[in-house]
Protein backbone atom coordinates (compact mmCIF):
# COMPACT_ATOMS: atom_id res chain seq x y z
CA MET A 1 31.99 -26.86 -94.63
CA LEU A 2 30.52 -26.18 -91.21
CA PRO A 3 28.48 -22.95 -90.62
CA PHE A 4 30.53 -21.69 -87.96
CA VAL A 5 34.20 -20.86 -89.04
CA LEU A 6 35.60 -19.69 -85.80
CA PHE A 7 38.15 -17.21 -85.22
CA LEU A 8 40.44 -16.82 -81.80
CA LEU A 9 40.72 -13.36 -80.58
CA PHE A 10 42.06 -12.31 -77.15
CA ALA A 11 39.56 -10.60 -75.26
CA ALA A 12 40.73 -7.33 -73.17
CA VAL A 13 38.13 -7.88 -70.47
CA GLU A 14 39.55 -10.49 -67.89
CA ALA A 15 42.59 -11.19 -70.87
CA ARG A 16 41.10 -14.63 -71.63
CA LEU A 17 40.69 -16.37 -74.79
CA ARG A 18 37.25 -15.90 -76.32
CA LEU A 19 35.65 -17.64 -79.35
CA ASP A 20 33.66 -15.37 -81.65
CA PRO A 21 31.57 -17.09 -84.46
CA LEU A 22 32.00 -16.13 -87.87
CA VAL A 23 29.26 -17.46 -90.53
CA ASP A 24 29.53 -17.78 -94.41
CA THR A 25 26.20 -16.51 -95.86
CA LYS A 26 24.84 -16.06 -99.28
CA GLN A 27 24.93 -12.22 -98.36
CA GLY A 28 28.57 -12.36 -97.32
CA LEU A 29 30.43 -13.34 -93.98
CA ILE A 30 28.55 -12.23 -90.64
CA LYS A 31 30.69 -12.08 -87.44
CA GLY A 32 28.58 -12.58 -84.06
CA LEU A 33 29.20 -12.97 -80.31
CA ARG A 34 29.16 -15.32 -77.70
CA ALA A 35 26.50 -14.70 -75.27
CA ASP A 36 27.62 -14.42 -71.41
CA ASP A 37 24.10 -15.72 -69.97
CA GLY A 38 23.96 -19.26 -71.93
CA ASP A 39 25.44 -21.44 -74.01
CA TYR A 40 24.52 -19.53 -77.74
CA SER A 41 26.11 -17.21 -79.98
CA MET A 42 24.18 -13.60 -81.15
CA PHE A 43 23.91 -11.91 -84.77
CA LEU A 44 22.78 -8.61 -84.00
CA GLY A 45 21.54 -5.88 -86.36
CA ILE A 46 21.58 -8.20 -89.64
CA PRO A 47 20.25 -6.01 -92.48
CA TYR A 48 18.07 -7.53 -94.62
CA ALA A 49 16.52 -4.64 -96.83
CA VAL A 50 16.80 -1.22 -97.36
CA VAL A 51 14.19 1.43 -97.98
CA ASP A 52 14.29 3.17 -100.97
CA GLY A 53 15.35 6.82 -100.29
CA ASP A 54 13.65 8.43 -102.92
CA ASN A 55 10.37 6.43 -101.84
CA PRO A 56 10.58 5.45 -98.26
CA PHE A 57 6.80 4.78 -98.23
CA GLY A 58 7.22 2.18 -100.61
CA VAL A 59 8.58 -1.06 -101.17
CA ALA A 60 11.60 -2.01 -99.93
CA GLN A 61 14.65 -3.91 -101.72
CA PRO A 62 16.97 -6.82 -100.65
CA HIS A 63 20.16 -5.58 -99.00
CA PRO A 64 23.10 -6.03 -101.22
CA GLN A 65 26.38 -8.33 -100.70
CA PHE A 66 28.51 -7.40 -97.69
CA GLU A 67 31.68 -6.49 -99.28
CA GLU A 68 33.32 -7.13 -95.98
CA VAL A 69 32.80 -8.93 -92.73
CA PHE A 70 29.77 -7.88 -91.37
CA GLU A 71 30.22 -7.27 -87.84
CA ALA A 72 26.58 -8.46 -86.23
CA TYR A 73 26.84 -6.72 -82.69
CA ASP A 74 24.56 -3.67 -82.28
CA ASP A 75 20.56 -4.73 -82.14
CA SER A 76 19.49 -0.99 -81.53
CA ALA A 77 18.12 -0.16 -84.58
CA ILE A 78 14.39 0.86 -84.53
CA CYS A 79 12.14 2.06 -87.07
CA PRO A 80 10.78 5.31 -86.73
CA GLN A 81 7.44 5.90 -84.30
CA VAL A 82 6.80 7.06 -80.96
CA GLU A 83 8.50 4.65 -78.42
CA GLU A 84 6.39 3.17 -76.23
CA PHE A 85 8.18 3.43 -72.99
CA ASP A 86 9.13 7.33 -72.68
CA HIS A 87 7.03 8.48 -75.59
CA SER A 88 9.56 10.17 -77.04
CA ILE A 89 10.22 10.16 -81.12
CA VAL A 90 12.95 7.76 -82.22
CA GLY A 91 14.14 5.63 -85.07
CA THR A 92 15.72 5.79 -88.56
CA LEU A 93 14.92 4.08 -91.92
CA ASP A 94 18.29 2.27 -91.67
CA CYS A 95 16.33 -0.45 -89.44
CA LEU A 96 15.21 -3.10 -91.32
CA HIS A 97 17.56 -5.63 -89.37
CA LEU A 98 17.05 -8.94 -87.74
CA ASN A 99 18.60 -10.88 -84.96
CA ILE A 100 19.70 -14.18 -84.80
CA TYR A 101 20.24 -16.33 -81.82
CA VAL A 102 21.86 -19.81 -82.18
CA PRO A 103 22.35 -22.76 -79.56
CA ASN A 104 26.33 -23.36 -79.99
CA LYS A 105 25.73 -27.27 -80.34
CA ALA A 106 23.81 -26.11 -83.72
CA SER A 107 25.78 -27.47 -86.72
CA SER A 108 25.29 -28.72 -90.43
CA ARG A 109 24.96 -32.09 -88.60
CA HIS A 110 22.78 -31.09 -85.89
CA ARG A 111 20.39 -28.75 -87.45
CA MET A 112 18.18 -26.85 -84.97
CA PRO A 113 14.44 -26.03 -85.77
CA VAL A 114 13.72 -22.13 -86.33
CA LEU A 115 11.35 -19.85 -84.49
CA VAL A 116 10.62 -16.24 -85.80
CA TRP A 117 9.32 -13.73 -83.85
CA ILE A 118 7.00 -10.98 -85.22
CA HIS A 119 6.56 -8.12 -82.41
CA GLY A 120 3.54 -6.78 -81.84
CA GLY A 121 2.61 -3.03 -81.36
CA GLY A 122 -0.18 -2.06 -83.37
CA PHE A 123 1.40 -1.65 -86.36
CA GLU A 124 2.47 1.93 -85.00
CA ILE A 125 5.29 1.02 -82.59
CA GLY A 126 7.69 -1.97 -81.49
CA PHE A 127 11.22 -3.37 -82.07
CA SER A 128 12.89 -6.40 -82.00
CA GLY A 129 16.16 -5.87 -79.40
CA ARG A 130 16.67 -7.84 -76.89
CA TYR A 131 15.67 -5.06 -74.17
CA LEU A 132 12.28 -6.90 -74.69
CA TYR A 133 12.90 -9.91 -76.38
CA GLY A 134 15.81 -11.63 -74.59
CA PRO A 135 16.58 -14.95 -76.15
CA LYS A 136 17.88 -17.04 -73.28
CA TYR A 137 14.49 -18.76 -72.32
CA ILE A 138 13.68 -20.08 -75.69
CA VAL A 139 17.40 -20.97 -77.27
CA ARG A 140 18.15 -23.41 -73.91
CA ASN A 141 15.37 -25.81 -75.92
CA ASP A 142 17.55 -26.42 -78.68
CA VAL A 143 15.58 -23.65 -81.13
CA ILE A 144 17.09 -21.09 -83.09
CA LEU A 145 15.25 -17.63 -82.27
CA VAL A 146 15.26 -15.09 -84.84
CA THR A 147 13.67 -11.31 -84.13
CA LEU A 148 13.05 -9.01 -87.30
CA ASN A 149 12.31 -5.18 -87.22
CA TYR A 150 9.69 -4.16 -90.06
CA ARG A 151 8.49 -0.61 -90.81
CA LEU A 152 5.69 1.17 -88.75
CA GLY A 153 3.25 3.65 -88.96
CA PRO A 154 3.38 5.76 -91.92
CA TYR A 155 6.34 4.46 -93.39
CA GLY A 156 4.98 0.81 -93.19
CA PHE A 157 1.38 0.81 -93.65
CA MET A 158 0.01 4.24 -95.43
CA CYS A 159 -2.08 3.25 -98.04
CA LEU A 160 -3.14 5.37 -100.96
CA ASP A 161 -4.27 2.79 -103.86
CA THR A 162 -1.56 4.28 -106.31
CA PRO A 163 1.59 2.14 -107.64
CA ASP A 164 4.17 4.11 -105.91
CA VAL A 165 2.55 3.44 -102.40
CA PRO A 166 -0.06 0.90 -102.96
CA GLY A 167 0.20 -0.13 -99.04
CA ASN A 168 1.41 -3.12 -96.73
CA GLN A 169 4.93 -2.23 -96.74
CA GLY A 170 5.53 -3.13 -93.29
CA LEU A 171 3.98 -6.72 -94.24
CA LYS A 172 6.29 -6.85 -97.51
CA ASP A 173 9.15 -5.94 -94.98
CA GLN A 174 8.58 -9.31 -93.08
CA VAL A 175 8.44 -11.14 -96.55
CA LEU A 176 11.93 -10.09 -97.42
CA ALA A 177 13.15 -10.99 -93.95
CA LEU A 178 11.34 -14.55 -94.19
CA LYS A 179 12.98 -14.67 -97.81
CA TRP A 180 16.20 -13.75 -96.41
CA ILE A 181 15.93 -16.38 -93.47
CA LYS A 182 14.80 -19.07 -95.63
CA ALA A 183 17.91 -18.30 -98.24
CA ASN A 184 20.30 -18.19 -94.95
CA ILE A 185 19.19 -20.17 -91.85
CA GLU A 186 20.98 -23.22 -93.11
CA GLU A 187 24.37 -21.75 -92.91
CA PHE A 188 23.72 -20.97 -88.93
CA GLY A 189 22.62 -24.49 -88.38
CA GLY A 190 18.84 -24.00 -88.87
CA ASP A 191 16.75 -26.39 -90.61
CA ILE A 192 14.69 -24.62 -93.21
CA ASN A 193 12.12 -27.36 -93.35
CA LYS A 194 11.08 -26.67 -89.51
CA ILE A 195 10.45 -22.80 -89.46
CA THR A 196 7.73 -21.71 -87.30
CA VAL A 197 6.55 -17.91 -87.35
CA PHE A 198 5.02 -16.46 -84.36
CA GLY A 199 3.64 -13.08 -83.30
CA GLU A 200 1.45 -11.53 -80.82
CA SER A 201 -1.14 -8.58 -81.21
CA ALA A 202 -0.22 -7.05 -84.21
CA GLY A 203 2.35 -9.71 -84.92
CA ALA A 204 -0.05 -12.44 -84.66
CA ALA A 205 -2.18 -10.68 -86.98
CA SER A 206 0.91 -10.17 -89.46
CA VAL A 207 1.39 -14.16 -89.15
CA GLU A 208 -2.23 -14.70 -90.17
CA TYR A 209 -2.07 -11.80 -93.37
CA HIS A 210 1.23 -13.88 -94.43
CA LEU A 211 -1.35 -16.85 -94.70
CA VAL A 212 -4.30 -15.22 -96.31
CA SER A 213 -1.58 -13.10 -98.37
CA ASN A 214 -0.80 -13.75 -102.27
CA ASN A 215 2.66 -14.49 -101.22
CA GLU A 216 4.22 -17.76 -101.46
CA ARG A 217 4.34 -19.84 -98.21
CA LEU A 218 7.79 -18.96 -96.43
CA PHE A 219 7.47 -21.15 -93.29
CA ASN A 220 6.19 -24.71 -91.81
CA GLN A 221 4.09 -23.85 -88.79
CA ALA A 222 2.57 -20.70 -87.17
CA ILE A 223 1.84 -19.55 -83.31
CA LEU A 224 -0.53 -16.55 -82.96
CA GLN A 225 -0.95 -14.97 -79.90
CA SER A 226 -3.67 -12.63 -78.98
CA GLY A 227 -4.29 -11.13 -82.72
CA SER A 228 -6.35 -12.17 -85.90
CA VAL A 229 -6.88 -10.60 -89.21
CA TYR A 230 -10.73 -10.74 -87.89
CA SER A 231 -9.84 -7.99 -85.11
CA GLY A 232 -10.95 -4.57 -86.08
CA TRP A 233 -7.89 -3.01 -85.12
CA SER A 234 -5.87 -4.70 -87.52
CA ILE A 235 -7.05 -3.51 -91.09
CA LYS A 236 -8.27 -0.18 -92.23
CA ASP A 237 -9.42 1.13 -95.54
CA SER A 238 -6.94 3.02 -98.10
CA ASP A 239 -6.77 6.68 -97.53
CA SER A 240 -5.79 9.16 -100.17
CA SER A 241 -6.04 12.37 -98.13
CA VAL A 242 -3.37 11.32 -95.73
CA PRO A 243 -0.37 12.50 -97.48
CA SER A 244 -2.39 16.11 -97.56
CA LYS A 245 -3.34 15.93 -94.05
CA LEU A 246 0.49 15.07 -92.97
CA ALA A 247 2.26 18.24 -94.92
CA LYS A 248 -0.81 20.27 -93.73
CA GLN A 249 0.35 19.52 -90.17
CA LEU A 250 3.80 20.43 -91.19
CA GLY A 251 2.97 23.59 -93.03
CA PHE A 252 2.63 22.51 -96.52
CA GLU A 253 -0.91 22.80 -97.78
CA THR A 254 -1.83 20.81 -100.97
CA ASP A 255 -4.90 18.80 -102.52
CA SER A 256 -2.40 16.76 -104.67
CA ILE A 257 -1.30 13.67 -103.40
CA ASP A 258 1.83 13.82 -105.53
CA GLU A 259 2.78 17.42 -104.15
CA ALA A 260 2.40 15.98 -100.75
CA LEU A 261 4.28 12.80 -100.65
CA ALA A 262 7.20 14.88 -102.69
CA PHE A 263 7.14 17.02 -99.63
CA LEU A 264 6.99 14.32 -97.14
CA LYS A 265 9.81 11.85 -98.93
CA LYS A 266 12.24 15.10 -98.10
CA THR A 267 11.01 15.88 -94.53
CA ASP A 268 13.03 14.45 -91.57
CA VAL A 269 11.34 11.27 -90.40
CA LYS A 270 10.60 12.19 -86.78
CA LEU A 271 8.52 15.47 -87.79
CA VAL A 272 6.35 12.85 -90.14
CA ILE A 273 5.82 10.48 -87.16
CA ALA A 274 4.98 13.74 -84.76
CA ALA A 275 2.66 14.95 -87.09
CA ALA A 276 0.93 11.75 -87.28
CA ASN A 277 0.79 11.54 -83.96
CA GLU A 278 -0.50 15.16 -83.22
CA ILE A 279 -3.37 14.45 -85.26
CA SER A 280 -3.95 10.88 -84.06
CA LEU A 281 -3.71 9.28 -87.67
CA LYS A 282 -3.79 5.57 -87.52
CA PHE A 283 -2.01 3.18 -89.83
CA ARG A 284 -3.08 -0.35 -90.79
CA PRO A 285 -3.03 -3.13 -93.28
CA CYS A 286 -5.22 -2.72 -96.03
CA VAL A 287 -6.79 -4.34 -99.06
CA GLU A 288 -4.53 -3.26 -102.08
CA HIS A 289 -5.38 -2.61 -105.39
CA GLU A 290 -3.54 -4.39 -108.13
CA PHE A 291 -1.42 -2.56 -110.57
CA GLU A 292 0.57 -3.77 -113.80
CA GLY A 293 4.16 -4.66 -112.47
CA VAL A 294 3.59 -4.12 -108.99
CA GLU A 295 3.96 -7.01 -106.53
CA SER A 296 0.67 -7.20 -104.29
CA PHE A 297 0.40 -8.97 -100.84
CA LEU A 298 -3.09 -8.47 -99.97
CA THR A 299 -6.10 -8.41 -102.47
CA ARG A 300 -8.73 -9.62 -100.78
CA HIS A 301 -10.26 -8.44 -97.80
CA PRO A 302 -9.56 -11.49 -95.28
CA VAL A 303 -13.37 -11.65 -94.51
CA ASN A 304 -13.74 -13.01 -98.12
CA VAL A 305 -11.69 -15.81 -97.68
CA GLU A 306 -13.13 -18.92 -96.88
CA GLN A 307 -10.45 -21.52 -97.42
CA VAL A 308 -6.87 -20.23 -96.39
CA ALA A 309 -4.97 -22.79 -98.91
CA LYS A 310 -1.56 -22.31 -97.03
CA ALA A 311 -2.70 -23.53 -93.89
CA LYS A 312 -3.38 -26.81 -95.28
CA ASN A 313 -1.33 -29.69 -93.69
CA MET A 314 0.16 -26.94 -91.34
CA ALA A 315 0.26 -27.05 -87.54
CA ILE A 316 -1.10 -23.66 -86.10
CA LEU A 317 -1.34 -22.89 -82.40
CA SER A 318 -3.40 -19.87 -81.24
CA GLY A 319 -5.11 -18.12 -78.22
CA TYR A 320 -5.17 -15.02 -75.96
CA ASN A 321 -5.01 -14.21 -72.28
CA ASN A 322 -7.97 -14.20 -70.13
CA HIS A 323 -8.62 -10.45 -69.41
CA GLU A 324 -7.05 -9.01 -72.87
CA TYR A 325 -8.27 -5.53 -72.07
CA LEU A 326 -7.80 -5.33 -68.44
CA LEU A 327 -5.97 -2.11 -68.54
CA GLN A 328 -8.44 -0.32 -70.67
CA TYR A 329 -11.20 0.02 -67.80
CA VAL A 330 -10.09 -1.63 -64.93
CA GLU A 331 -8.34 1.09 -62.80
CA LYS A 332 -10.45 4.25 -64.33
CA PRO A 333 -12.14 7.05 -62.54
CA GLU A 334 -15.54 7.16 -62.64
CA GLU A 335 -15.72 10.54 -64.81
CA TYR A 336 -13.40 8.04 -67.70
CA TYR A 337 -16.44 5.71 -68.22
CA THR A 338 -18.83 9.21 -69.00
CA THR A 339 -16.37 9.92 -71.34
CA ASN A 340 -15.54 6.72 -73.23
CA ASP A 341 -18.17 4.91 -75.01
CA PRO A 342 -16.52 1.52 -75.80
CA PHE A 343 -19.51 0.02 -77.80
CA ASP A 344 -19.84 3.54 -80.00
CA ALA A 345 -16.13 3.20 -80.47
CA LEU A 346 -15.32 -0.49 -81.53
CA LEU A 347 -18.72 -1.69 -83.33
CA PRO A 348 -17.90 0.66 -86.39
CA LEU A 349 -14.47 -0.75 -86.86
CA ILE A 350 -16.22 -3.95 -87.72
CA PHE A 351 -19.69 -3.26 -89.01
CA ASN A 352 -20.81 -0.37 -90.97
CA VAL A 353 -23.46 0.65 -88.13
CA GLU A 354 -26.12 2.10 -90.43
CA ASP A 355 -26.76 -1.27 -92.00
CA LEU A 356 -27.62 -2.93 -88.45
CA ASN A 357 -30.57 -1.05 -88.19
CA GLY A 358 -30.59 -0.42 -84.49
CA ARG A 359 -29.39 -4.23 -83.83
CA GLU A 360 -26.23 -2.55 -82.31
CA GLN A 361 -28.34 -1.86 -79.27
CA LEU A 362 -28.58 -5.74 -78.70
CA VAL A 363 -24.58 -5.68 -77.94
CA ARG A 364 -24.83 -3.28 -75.29
CA ARG A 365 -27.86 -4.74 -73.30
CA PHE A 366 -26.23 -8.28 -73.77
CA TYR A 367 -23.17 -6.79 -71.90
CA ILE A 368 -24.49 -4.18 -69.18
CA GLY A 369 -28.44 -4.73 -70.08
CA ASP A 370 -30.36 -1.40 -69.35
CA ASN A 371 -27.53 -0.25 -67.29
CA ALA A 372 -25.08 3.01 -67.73
CA ILE A 373 -21.51 2.52 -68.49
CA SER A 374 -19.96 3.26 -65.14
CA GLN A 375 -17.15 1.84 -62.97
CA GLN A 376 -19.88 -0.74 -61.81
CA MET A 377 -20.16 -1.93 -65.09
CA LYS A 378 -16.01 -2.23 -65.45
CA TRP A 379 -15.67 -5.75 -65.76
CA ASN A 380 -18.83 -6.34 -68.07
CA ILE A 381 -17.06 -3.84 -70.33
CA ILE A 382 -13.59 -5.33 -70.36
CA ASN A 383 -15.15 -8.79 -71.28
CA PHE A 384 -16.81 -6.64 -74.38
CA TYR A 385 -13.52 -5.20 -75.20
CA SER A 386 -12.04 -8.48 -74.75
CA ASP A 387 -14.20 -10.55 -76.97
CA PHE A 388 -14.73 -8.47 -79.83
CA SER A 389 -11.20 -7.21 -80.27
CA ILE A 390 -9.64 -10.61 -79.51
CA ASN A 391 -11.27 -13.47 -78.05
CA HIS A 392 -14.35 -13.69 -80.73
CA PRO A 393 -11.65 -12.95 -83.71
CA VAL A 394 -9.20 -15.61 -82.41
CA GLN A 395 -11.74 -18.05 -82.30
CA ARG A 396 -13.11 -17.25 -86.01
CA SER A 397 -9.61 -17.61 -87.21
CA VAL A 398 -8.94 -20.82 -85.36
CA GLU A 399 -12.06 -22.57 -86.93
CA ARG A 400 -11.27 -21.08 -90.37
CA PHE A 401 -7.88 -22.93 -89.85
CA ILE A 402 -9.86 -25.79 -89.25
CA ASN A 403 -12.10 -25.71 -92.11
CA SER A 404 -9.11 -25.03 -94.36
CA ASN A 405 -7.58 -28.37 -93.14
CA ALA A 406 -4.84 -27.39 -91.15
CA LYS A 407 -2.85 -30.50 -90.16
CA LYS A 408 -3.61 -29.80 -86.18
CA VAL A 409 -4.71 -26.59 -84.49
CA TYR A 410 -4.08 -25.87 -80.70
CA HIS A 411 -6.18 -23.52 -78.29
CA TYR A 412 -4.73 -22.32 -75.44
CA ILE A 413 -5.96 -19.53 -72.63
CA PHE A 414 -2.96 -17.99 -70.84
CA SER A 415 -4.60 -16.67 -67.25
CA TYR A 416 -1.17 -16.66 -64.93
CA ASN A 417 -0.84 -13.38 -62.84
CA GLY A 418 2.70 -13.20 -61.40
CA GLY A 419 6.12 -10.92 -61.27
CA ARG A 420 6.65 -10.81 -64.87
CA ASN A 421 3.10 -9.90 -66.46
CA PHE A 422 4.42 -7.56 -68.75
CA VAL A 423 1.57 -5.04 -69.47
CA LYS A 424 0.20 -5.28 -65.69
CA LYS A 425 3.68 -4.84 -64.26
CA ARG A 426 4.37 -1.70 -66.06
CA ALA A 427 1.15 -0.32 -65.07
CA ASN A 428 1.38 -1.32 -61.70
CA VAL A 429 -1.88 -3.06 -61.82
CA THR A 430 -2.28 -6.37 -59.19
CA ILE A 431 -5.73 -7.36 -60.16
CA GLY A 432 -5.77 -11.29 -60.87
CA GLY A 433 -5.59 -12.85 -64.45
CA ALA A 434 -3.51 -11.98 -67.85
CA ALA A 435 -3.92 -8.81 -69.75
CA HIS A 436 -2.95 -7.90 -73.04
CA ALA A 437 0.95 -9.03 -73.84
CA ASP A 438 1.40 -10.17 -70.04
CA GLU A 439 2.60 -13.70 -71.74
CA LEU A 440 5.51 -12.19 -73.10
CA GLY A 441 7.47 -11.76 -69.78
CA TYR A 442 7.51 -15.53 -69.50
CA LEU A 443 8.86 -16.37 -73.24
CA PHE A 444 11.45 -13.61 -73.32
CA ASP A 445 14.07 -12.52 -71.00
CA MET A 446 13.13 -8.76 -70.59
CA THR A 447 15.37 -6.21 -69.56
CA ILE A 448 12.72 -4.42 -67.78
CA PHE A 449 12.28 -7.22 -64.90
CA ASP A 450 14.66 -8.07 -62.31
CA LYS A 451 17.15 -10.97 -63.08
CA ASP A 452 15.91 -12.78 -60.16
CA VAL A 453 12.88 -15.06 -61.01
CA SER A 454 10.66 -16.12 -58.40
CA GLU A 455 9.95 -20.01 -58.08
CA GLU A 456 6.41 -19.25 -58.96
CA ASP A 457 7.28 -17.18 -62.10
CA GLN A 458 9.97 -19.45 -63.07
CA LEU A 459 7.69 -22.62 -63.37
CA ILE A 460 5.66 -20.52 -65.88
CA VAL A 461 8.74 -19.49 -67.80
CA ASP A 462 9.59 -23.31 -67.93
CA ARG A 463 6.43 -24.21 -68.87
CA ILE A 464 5.16 -22.19 -71.87
CA THR A 465 8.72 -22.04 -73.29
CA GLU A 466 8.86 -25.59 -73.43
CA LEU A 467 5.11 -26.13 -74.69
CA TRP A 468 6.09 -23.41 -77.42
CA THR A 469 9.38 -25.15 -78.11
CA ASN A 470 7.63 -28.52 -78.40
CA PHE A 471 5.21 -27.48 -80.85
CA VAL A 472 8.02 -25.93 -83.10
CA LYS A 473 10.12 -29.28 -82.93
CA HIS A 474 7.20 -31.53 -83.05
CA GLY A 475 4.48 -29.89 -84.25
CA ASN A 476 2.92 -30.99 -80.90
CA PRO A 477 3.14 -29.01 -77.71
CA THR A 478 2.80 -32.16 -75.63
CA PRO A 479 4.34 -35.13 -77.35
CA GLU A 480 4.48 -36.79 -73.82
CA THR A 481 3.77 -35.61 -70.53
CA SER A 482 6.21 -34.62 -67.38
CA ASP A 483 6.10 -33.15 -64.13
CA LEU A 484 6.08 -29.73 -65.78
CA ILE A 485 3.33 -30.54 -68.50
CA PRO A 486 1.40 -33.58 -66.60
CA THR A 487 -1.29 -33.57 -69.33
CA ILE A 488 -1.44 -34.12 -73.06
CA TRP A 489 -3.12 -30.94 -74.82
CA PRO A 490 -5.61 -32.14 -77.37
CA ALA A 491 -5.92 -30.48 -80.99
CA VAL A 492 -9.02 -28.83 -81.90
CA THR A 493 -11.58 -30.68 -84.04
CA LYS A 494 -14.54 -29.91 -86.29
CA ASP A 495 -16.76 -30.95 -83.18
CA SER A 496 -14.56 -29.52 -80.26
CA LEU A 497 -12.78 -26.47 -79.45
CA ASN A 498 -10.55 -27.70 -77.04
CA TYR A 499 -8.29 -25.61 -75.28
CA MET A 500 -5.65 -25.57 -72.47
CA ASN A 501 -5.73 -22.75 -69.82
CA ILE A 502 -1.77 -22.05 -68.97
CA ASN A 503 -1.59 -21.02 -65.06
CA THR A 504 0.01 -22.22 -62.23
CA MET A 505 -2.14 -25.59 -62.37
CA VAL A 506 -2.53 -26.67 -66.34
CA HIS A 507 -6.04 -27.90 -66.82
CA LEU A 508 -8.12 -28.58 -70.22
CA GLY A 509 -11.61 -27.16 -71.17
CA THR A 510 -13.99 -26.96 -74.57
CA ARG A 511 -14.97 -23.58 -75.88
CA PRO A 512 -14.07 -21.26 -73.63
CA TYR A 513 -16.41 -18.22 -72.87
CA SER A 514 -19.19 -20.23 -74.79
CA ASN A 515 -22.23 -17.98 -73.78
CA ARG A 516 -20.33 -14.98 -75.05
CA LEU A 517 -18.97 -16.16 -78.17
CA ALA A 518 -21.99 -18.21 -79.02
CA PHE A 519 -23.53 -14.45 -78.94
CA TRP A 520 -20.98 -13.01 -81.22
CA ASP A 521 -21.38 -16.17 -83.77
CA LEU A 522 -25.15 -15.60 -83.76
CA PHE A 523 -24.61 -11.44 -84.43
CA TYR A 524 -22.38 -12.05 -87.31
CA ASP A 525 -24.65 -14.31 -88.92
CA THR A 526 -27.21 -12.33 -88.73
CA ASN A 527 -25.55 -9.03 -89.56
CA LYS A 528 -23.03 -10.70 -92.00
CA GLN A 529 -24.14 -7.93 -94.74
CA ALA A 530 -23.23 -5.11 -92.90
CA VAL A 531 -19.55 -6.43 -92.08
CA ARG A 532 -16.99 -4.20 -93.40
CA GLY A 533 -15.07 -5.29 -96.61
CA TYR A 534 -18.00 -8.22 -97.09
CA ASP A 535 -18.29 -9.03 -100.71
CA ASN A 536 -22.12 -9.13 -100.99
């Protein structure tokens, strides 16, 4: 049976005939919509899992079968969070949904590769809808795109070292989504042997966590944009005091984890999110304790995983933007520098500073010498922030993939500055280069941008989406040259950290920021015993 069973529906608008797709999946019948901005169909808000109402901080379960046709028309679901645009508290736990965008020529006779998007947001914010992640730039390249929600903040990443709340619930949500895709995407015309998972920032770290996790391998290739499990912001120790802190903020004082959790389970999710925000609690993936009868996701700290077994024979594309933490300092007033010391703030995320025996001063001297932290040092500080949080962690991941016998690893730097640089545009910053998440405006059709795309920006949209979808289809971003991509992108080798700089002009290089990142190689080697999580 063809994957699309088409029913003719009379549309009220324009009084014309419209074809809407109906797909018979293992979960039941799902009806989608024809897109009006391209030759593809949309299946929006498909629920793949259900949160346990009695334990919303614990593991979710696969969604049951649909009893009737599910009308996949709504992609507005958002998991509980402080929304990033207007900072309002939004969301419900009925949020474990995914969206599927299918080129209309996909069929059982013409299966297409699948690209699965895991959004970023520091494991605390984000959602998968078309407002930010519109599909039309990707699906025009004959690739099926899937975007998904997962739980965030206290509901996704509370780690208590208990059987009921062991940690990493948001990552386990992603596992359920990937299993759903693996089980059902053929019915949409997808090729289950060509599934690539990609993500940015926390989404990229999530992809790598799936590779180092205890879980089975659920995808064939990976794209990691500006994120790594080696980043200090991507992992946190378990903290059994969190429920009591949240409960106290909400007016219920107790030292008992069980009593605090019982209270929080019955509390409105928006109040819980507000309390966590008010006392600045951070929630991240963690190393879980193992419990009998409880399926664990991550039981070894990533720094102790020398070989990533699931990366063997896998094609991987990984990189970052050329000024990742541009916005943190570039336009801040002088007084900001006197109260924000990035060296004191960031180093403890990765190192037990007391074990460095004063060697942390070497980092400060390497980047700013004997100068005080000030506006004059802003570019030095931006370089430190970027190197420590993104650039060097990504390089370490790339090297580990190579040492794990990945099939091919491609490394990139995105450095274009244009009208669709996502973060800079929102902050009204015009200084050159690409900040963290700026590449997203060229991969996705974002509602926040004008529909009219400049000629210069369109070139980058066309270039990066062709590189990414070539990789999805062929395991190689440049199977051949073209006017759009005039050079072959060489893979990384054990002897040469090759990379492509993606900009108005494409150029190749080896070992980016070699002096700065070599410093970090030496610093890690010298201070390995001080690295958090390292098994001495």
